[in-house]
């Protein structure tokens, strides 16, 4: 059941559904568990499961939690076969991840200002383009603020997204991020825009001066609109595994992270990191990404994720 995906059953030429793409994206993580549940439960099997969960970057704390719950069920005589164990693991994992499922509601403010942060290479700017499309599909007007003033390529990337989707982009050739985003908030208010997506420069949590700077950006947004930012999204690359926990902690301390976007789940065997986040740094997981397509970033559903991880239809 944990083997690689069978050929998609989508009609010839049709794009696979989101659930099919999610299953395909999680195939490397799922393959870690391949063949493990095809025998009766014993101590050796549980030890193998522990190793496998750690290799999938579930993390020590979440792995211990999952194993303790499973062992308790085994002790109560509720689990005897590997198949029963697999089902129980899915149920426990669902219970762990369910609190992260909190869809982002942008109707509370207008403009609804979303500040987006992350390290270089996390997929931040690409995610902004996909989020813009997502909100447009909900009938919302969107404005982009090119607050990554360090990377000319980031400004150009946002400009391309803007042109492609008919979205205004506020940018400056130079100047600081705070000024760009301040202008964008005022422009959105004047134009009656629903959602502002404010990009910021990628930075590592260890670059303290840059973490100081992003905290300043947040303060400036609050000057432009006292209730803002209404959401602070941190974009995480699933490939970094356990390092994601340190990133959530550091960015949360600097700017008060209110939601997460986990990208690149399709290229990693470390999809278990979402369980580690749920156990150690729980934040609403607003969106997950499994590909380069415009609709390959979707709101997180704990049930969909667990079903895809365990190869269910």
Protein backbone atom coordinates (compact mmCIF):
# COMPACT_ATOMS: atom_id res chain seq x y z
CA UNK A 1 0.00 0.00 0.00
CA UNK A 2 2.95 2.33 0.58
CA UNK A 3 4.53 1.62 -2.81
CA UNK A 4 4.99 4.17 -5.54
CA UNK A 5 1.97 5.55 -7.30
CA UNK A 6 0.16 3.68 -10.00
CA UNK A 7 -0.33 5.44 -13.26
CA UNK A 8 -2.78 8.30 -12.94
CA UNK A 9 -6.34 7.40 -13.77
CA UNK A 10 -7.10 10.86 -15.15
CA UNK A 11 -8.54 10.93 -18.67
CA UNK A 12 -5.91 11.02 -21.41
CA UNK A 13 -4.50 14.51 -21.78
CA UNK A 14 -6.26 15.83 -18.64
CA UNK A 15 -4.22 17.36 -15.84
CA UNK A 16 -4.21 15.10 -12.76
CA UNK A 17 -6.46 16.22 -9.92
CA UNK A 18 -4.99 17.92 -6.84
CA UNK A 19 -5.29 14.70 -4.80
CA UNK A 20 -3.43 12.77 -7.55
CA UNK A 21 -0.72 15.43 -7.69
CA UNK A 22 -0.43 15.40 -3.89
CA UNK A 23 -0.07 11.60 -3.89
CA UNK A 24 2.57 11.82 -6.61
CA UNK A 25 4.33 14.60 -4.73
CA UNK A 26 4.50 12.59 -1.52
CA UNK A 27 5.66 9.40 -3.25
CA UNK A 28 9.26 9.76 -2.04
CA UNK A 29 8.15 10.22 1.56
CA UNK A 30 5.65 7.38 1.21
CA UNK A 31 8.30 5.09 -0.28
CA UNK A 32 10.26 5.38 2.98
CA UNK A 33 7.51 3.30 4.55
CA UNK A 34 7.28 0.78 1.71
CA UNK A 35 6.73 -2.83 2.75
CA UNK A 36 6.92 -2.11 6.45
CA UNK A 37 3.38 -3.17 7.31
CA UNK A 38 3.23 -6.47 5.44
CA UNK A 39 3.81 -8.65 8.51
CA UNK A 40 2.68 -9.18 12.09
CA UNK A 41 3.52 -6.62 14.75
CA UNK A 42 6.62 -7.30 16.84
CA UNK A 43 9.35 -5.29 18.57
CA UNK A 44 11.58 -5.38 15.50
CA UNK A 45 8.84 -3.97 13.33
CA UNK A 46 8.23 -1.09 15.76
CA UNK A 47 11.96 -0.34 15.82
CA UNK A 48 12.01 -0.26 12.02
CA UNK A 49 9.00 2.05 12.05
CA UNK A 50 10.82 4.40 14.44
CA UNK A 51 13.86 4.53 12.12
CA UNK A 52 11.64 5.08 9.09
CA UNK A 53 9.72 7.94 10.70
CA UNK A 54 12.97 9.64 11.70
CA UNK A 55 14.31 9.25 8.14
CA UNK A 56 11.13 10.94 6.85
CA UNK A 57 11.98 13.89 9.16
CA UNK A 58 9.02 13.35 11.46
CA UNK A 59 11.46 14.32 14.22
CA UNK A 60 12.29 12.74 17.58
CA UNK A 61 9.44 14.29 19.53
CA UNK A 62 6.64 13.54 17.04
CA UNK A 63 8.05 10.05 16.35
CA UNK A 64 8.03 9.28 20.09
CA UNK A 65 4.45 10.53 20.35
CA UNK A 66 3.29 8.38 17.41
CA UNK A 67 5.08 5.26 18.73
CA UNK A 68 3.78 5.72 22.28
CA UNK A 69 0.23 5.96 20.95
CA UNK A 70 0.71 2.87 18.76
CA UNK A 71 2.32 0.83 21.53
CA UNK A 72 -0.55 1.72 23.87
CA UNK A 73 -3.04 0.47 21.25
CA UNK A 74 -1.00 -2.73 20.77
CA UNK A 75 -0.91 -3.22 24.55
CA UNK A 76 -4.71 -2.93 24.71
CA UNK A 77 -4.90 -5.74 22.16
CA UNK A 78 -6.49 -3.48 19.58
CA UNK A 79 -3.77 -4.01 16.96
CA UNK A 80 -2.49 -7.35 15.76
CA UNK A 81 -1.63 -7.08 12.08
CA UNK A 82 0.59 -4.71 10.16
CA UNK A 83 -2.42 -3.47 8.23
CA UNK A 84 -4.21 -2.54 11.45
CA UNK A 85 -1.06 -0.79 12.65
CA UNK A 86 -0.89 1.19 9.42
CA UNK A 87 -4.50 2.33 9.77
CA UNK A 88 -3.91 3.29 13.40
CA UNK A 89 -0.79 5.28 12.46
CA UNK A 90 -2.83 7.19 9.88
CA UNK A 91 -5.52 7.97 12.46
CA UNK A 92 -2.98 9.18 15.06
CA UNK A 93 -1.16 11.27 12.47
CA UNK A 94 -4.47 12.83 11.39
CA UNK A 95 -5.22 13.74 15.01
CA UNK A 96 -1.76 15.35 15.28
CA UNK A 97 -2.06 17.36 12.05
CA UNK A 98 -5.72 18.38 12.24
CA UNK A 99 -5.09 21.49 14.41
CA UNK A 100 -2.82 22.89 11.66
CA UNK A 101 -5.73 22.93 9.20
CA UNK A 102 -6.92 26.53 9.46
CA UNK A 103 -7.81 28.03 6.06
CA UNK A 104 -6.85 31.66 5.61
CA UNK A 105 -9.88 33.99 5.63
CA UNK A 106 -9.07 37.36 4.05
CA UNK A 107 -12.55 38.86 4.44
CA UNK A 108 -11.98 40.43 7.86
CA UNK A 109 -10.12 43.51 6.54
CA UNK A 110 -9.93 45.50 3.31
CA UNK A 111 -7.22 45.69 2.26
CA UNK A 112 -6.14 42.43 3.92
CA UNK A 113 -2.37 42.76 4.20
CA UNK A 114 -0.23 39.62 4.08
CA UNK A 115 3.48 39.90 4.83
CA UNK A 116 5.52 37.03 3.40
CA UNK A 117 8.93 35.95 4.71
CA UNK A 118 11.39 33.10 4.25
CA UNK A 119 14.98 32.19 3.49
CA UNK A 120 16.45 32.48 0.00
CA UNK A 121 15.43 29.57 -2.20
CA UNK A 122 12.36 28.62 -0.18
CA UNK A 123 10.06 29.38 -3.11
CA UNK A 124 8.78 32.60 -1.57
CA UNK A 125 8.38 34.78 -4.67
CA UNK A 126 6.91 31.94 -6.73
CA UNK A 127 4.46 31.22 -3.90
CA UNK A 128 3.35 34.87 -3.95
CA UNK A 129 2.41 34.53 -7.62
CA UNK A 130 0.43 31.36 -6.88
CA UNK A 131 -1.28 32.97 -3.88
CA UNK A 132 -2.26 35.93 -6.04
CA UNK A 133 -3.91 33.54 -8.48
CA UNK A 134 -5.63 31.71 -5.61
CA UNK A 135 -7.19 34.91 -4.26
CA UNK A 136 -8.16 36.08 -7.74
CA UNK A 137 -10.00 32.78 -8.21
CA UNK A 138 -12.00 33.72 -5.09
CA UNK A 139 -13.01 36.96 -6.81
CA UNK A 140 -10.60 39.14 -4.81
CA UNK A 141 -8.56 42.00 -6.25
CA UNK A 142 -4.85 41.71 -5.44
CA UNK A 143 -1.87 44.06 -5.29
CA UNK A 144 1.75 42.90 -5.03
CA UNK A 145 4.43 44.78 -3.10
CA UNK A 146 7.96 44.01 -4.35
CA UNK A 147 9.57 44.34 -0.93
CA UNK A 148 12.57 42.16 -1.84
CA UNK A 149 14.76 45.11 -2.74
CA UNK A 150 17.97 43.06 -2.54
CA UNK A 151 17.22 40.86 -5.54
CA UNK A 152 16.43 42.52 -8.86
CA UNK A 153 15.30 39.09 -10.07
CA UNK A 154 12.62 38.99 -7.38
CA UNK A 155 11.19 42.32 -8.58
CA UNK A 156 11.25 41.09 -12.17
CA UNK A 157 9.60 37.81 -11.18
CA UNK A 158 6.77 39.64 -9.44
CA UNK A 159 6.40 41.97 -12.41
CA UNK A 160 5.95 38.94 -14.68
CA UNK A 161 3.34 37.45 -12.33
CA UNK A 162 1.60 40.83 -12.26
CA UNK A 163 1.50 41.18 -16.05
CA UNK A 164 0.36 37.60 -16.55
CA UNK A 165 -2.54 37.93 -14.13
CA UNK A 166 -3.45 41.58 -14.54
CA UNK A 167 -2.24 42.53 -11.06
CA UNK A 168 -0.63 45.84 -10.11
CA UNK A 169 2.89 45.62 -8.66
CA UNK A 170 4.35 48.37 -6.48
CA UNK A 171 8.14 48.39 -6.82
CA UNK A 172 11.18 50.68 -6.65
CA UNK A 173 14.52 50.30 -8.37
CA UNK A 174 16.23 50.90 -5.05
CA UNK A 175 15.22 52.03 -1.60
CA UNK A 176 14.23 49.95 1.38
CA UNK A 177 11.56 47.29 1.66
CA UNK A 178 9.63 49.15 4.32
CA UNK A 179 9.13 52.17 2.02
CA UNK A 180 7.92 49.99 -0.87
CA UNK A 181 5.42 48.14 1.31
CA UNK A 182 4.24 51.38 2.96
CA UNK A 183 3.49 52.79 -0.52
CA UNK A 184 1.74 49.57 -1.50
CA UNK A 185 -0.58 49.65 1.52
CA UNK A 186 -1.56 53.24 0.78
CA UNK A 187 -2.07 52.43 -2.91
CA UNK A 188 -4.28 49.45 -2.03
CA UNK A 189 -6.41 51.56 0.27
CA UNK A 190 -6.80 54.28 -2.38
CA UNK A 191 -7.73 51.75 -5.08
CA UNK A 192 -10.07 49.65 -2.95
CA UNK A 193 -7.94 46.51 -3.34
CA UNK A 194 -8.93 43.42 -1.34
CA UNK A 195 -5.57 41.72 -0.68
CA UNK A 196 -1.97 42.98 -0.52
CA UNK A 197 0.81 40.40 -0.82
CA UNK A 198 4.02 41.96 0.48
CA UNK A 199 7.26 40.22 -0.48
CA UNK A 200 10.36 40.60 1.70
CA UNK A 201 13.99 39.75 1.03
CA UNK A 202 15.11 36.22 1.79
CA UNK A 203 17.29 35.95 4.87
CA UNK A 204 18.72 33.35 7.22
CA UNK A 205 17.64 33.39 10.88
CA UNK A 206 21.32 33.64 11.81
CA UNK A 207 21.68 36.99 9.97
CA UNK A 208 20.65 39.03 12.98
CA UNK A 209 20.88 42.43 11.28
CA UNK A 210 18.52 41.20 8.55
CA UNK A 211 16.12 39.74 11.11
CA UNK A 212 16.20 43.17 12.79
CA UNK A 213 15.37 44.73 9.43
CA UNK A 214 12.37 42.50 8.76
CA UNK A 215 11.04 43.35 12.22
CA UNK A 216 11.26 47.02 11.12
CA UNK A 217 9.29 46.20 7.96
CA UNK A 218 6.53 44.76 10.14
CA UNK A 219 6.46 47.91 12.28
CA UNK A 220 6.22 50.14 9.19
CA UNK A 221 3.27 48.12 7.87
CA UNK A 222 1.53 48.77 11.20
CA UNK A 223 2.17 52.51 10.74
CA UNK A 224 0.53 52.44 7.31
CA UNK A 225 -2.41 50.39 8.64
CA UNK A 226 -2.71 50.05 12.46
CA UNK A 227 -4.44 46.63 12.29
CA UNK A 228 -1.85 45.20 9.87
CA UNK A 229 -0.19 42.95 8.94
CA UNK A 230 -3.27 40.77 9.14
CA UNK A 231 -1.27 37.64 8.29
CA UNK A 232 2.47 36.92 8.49
CA UNK A 233 3.24 33.91 6.29
CA UNK A 234 6.53 32.04 6.54
CA UNK A 235 7.44 30.03 3.43
CA UNK A 236 9.36 26.81 4.18
CA UNK A 237 11.09 24.47 1.73
CA UNK A 238 10.16 20.89 2.71
CA UNK A 239 13.64 19.71 1.66
CA UNK A 240 15.24 21.34 4.71
CA UNK A 241 13.56 18.86 7.05
CA UNK A 242 14.23 19.54 10.73
CA UNK A 243 15.79 22.95 9.98
CA UNK A 244 12.24 24.12 9.36
CA UNK A 245 11.64 24.08 13.13
CA UNK A 246 14.50 26.50 13.76
CA UNK A 247 13.23 28.78 10.99
CA UNK A 248 9.70 28.88 12.41
CA UNK A 249 11.07 29.69 15.87
CA UNK A 250 13.43 32.45 14.69
CA UNK A 251 11.01 34.18 12.33
CA UNK A 252 8.21 33.92 14.90
CA UNK A 253 10.40 35.68 17.46
CA UNK A 254 11.21 38.47 14.98
CA UNK A 255 7.87 39.08 13.24
CA UNK A 256 5.16 36.97 14.89
CA UNK A 257 4.44 34.28 12.30
CA UNK A 258 0.70 33.58 11.99
CA UNK A 259 0.75 30.97 9.21
CA UNK A 260 3.00 28.67 7.18
CA UNK A 261 3.39 27.74 3.52
CA UNK A 262 5.33 24.49 2.93
CA UNK A 263 6.66 24.22 -0.64
CA UNK A 264 8.46 21.56 -2.73
CA UNK A 265 6.86 18.53 -1.07
CA UNK A 266 7.10 16.86 -4.48
CA UNK A 267 10.91 16.81 -4.47
CA UNK A 268 11.58 15.44 -1.01
CA UNK A 269 11.45 12.32 1.15
CA UNK A 270 11.10 14.61 4.18
CA UNK A 271 7.36 15.28 4.08
CA UNK A 272 7.16 14.07 7.68
CA UNK A 273 8.49 17.47 8.75
CA UNK A 274 4.87 18.65 8.88
CA UNK A 275 4.34 16.24 11.81
CA UNK A 276 7.43 17.66 13.52
CA UNK A 277 6.03 21.19 13.10
CA UNK A 278 2.66 20.08 14.50
CA UNK A 279 4.32 18.65 17.59
CA UNK A 280 7.04 21.24 18.28
CA UNK A 281 6.21 24.53 16.54
CA UNK A 282 2.46 24.37 15.81
CA UNK A 283 1.34 27.16 13.48
CA UNK A 284 -1.59 27.16 11.07
CA UNK A 285 -0.42 25.50 7.85
CA UNK A 286 -2.25 27.66 5.33
CA UNK A 287 -0.93 26.18 2.06
CA UNK A 288 1.23 23.34 0.75
CA UNK A 289 2.94 23.10 -2.63
CA UNK A 290 3.70 20.05 -4.76
CA UNK A 291 4.91 21.42 -8.07
CA UNK A 292 5.64 24.33 -10.37
CA UNK A 293 2.12 24.76 -11.78
CA UNK A 294 0.04 27.81 -10.94
CA UNK A 295 -2.49 25.61 -9.08
CA UNK A 296 0.11 23.39 -7.37
CA UNK A 297 -0.21 25.44 -4.19
CA UNK A 298 -3.42 24.62 -2.33
CA UNK A 299 -4.92 25.08 1.16
CA UNK A 300 -3.73 22.38 3.56
CA UNK A 301 -6.16 19.57 4.39
CA UNK A 302 -4.96 17.16 7.09
CA UNK A 303 -7.18 14.36 5.75
CA UNK A 304 -5.97 14.82 2.15
CA UNK A 305 -2.36 14.88 3.32
CA UNK A 306 -2.63 11.70 5.42
CA UNK A 307 -4.55 9.87 2.69
CA UNK A 308 -1.90 10.84 0.10
CA UNK A 309 0.91 9.84 2.45
CA UNK A 310 -0.62 6.40 2.91
CA UNK A 311 -1.43 5.94 -0.77
CA UNK A 312 -5.20 6.02 -0.38
CA UNK A 313 -7.42 7.03 -3.27
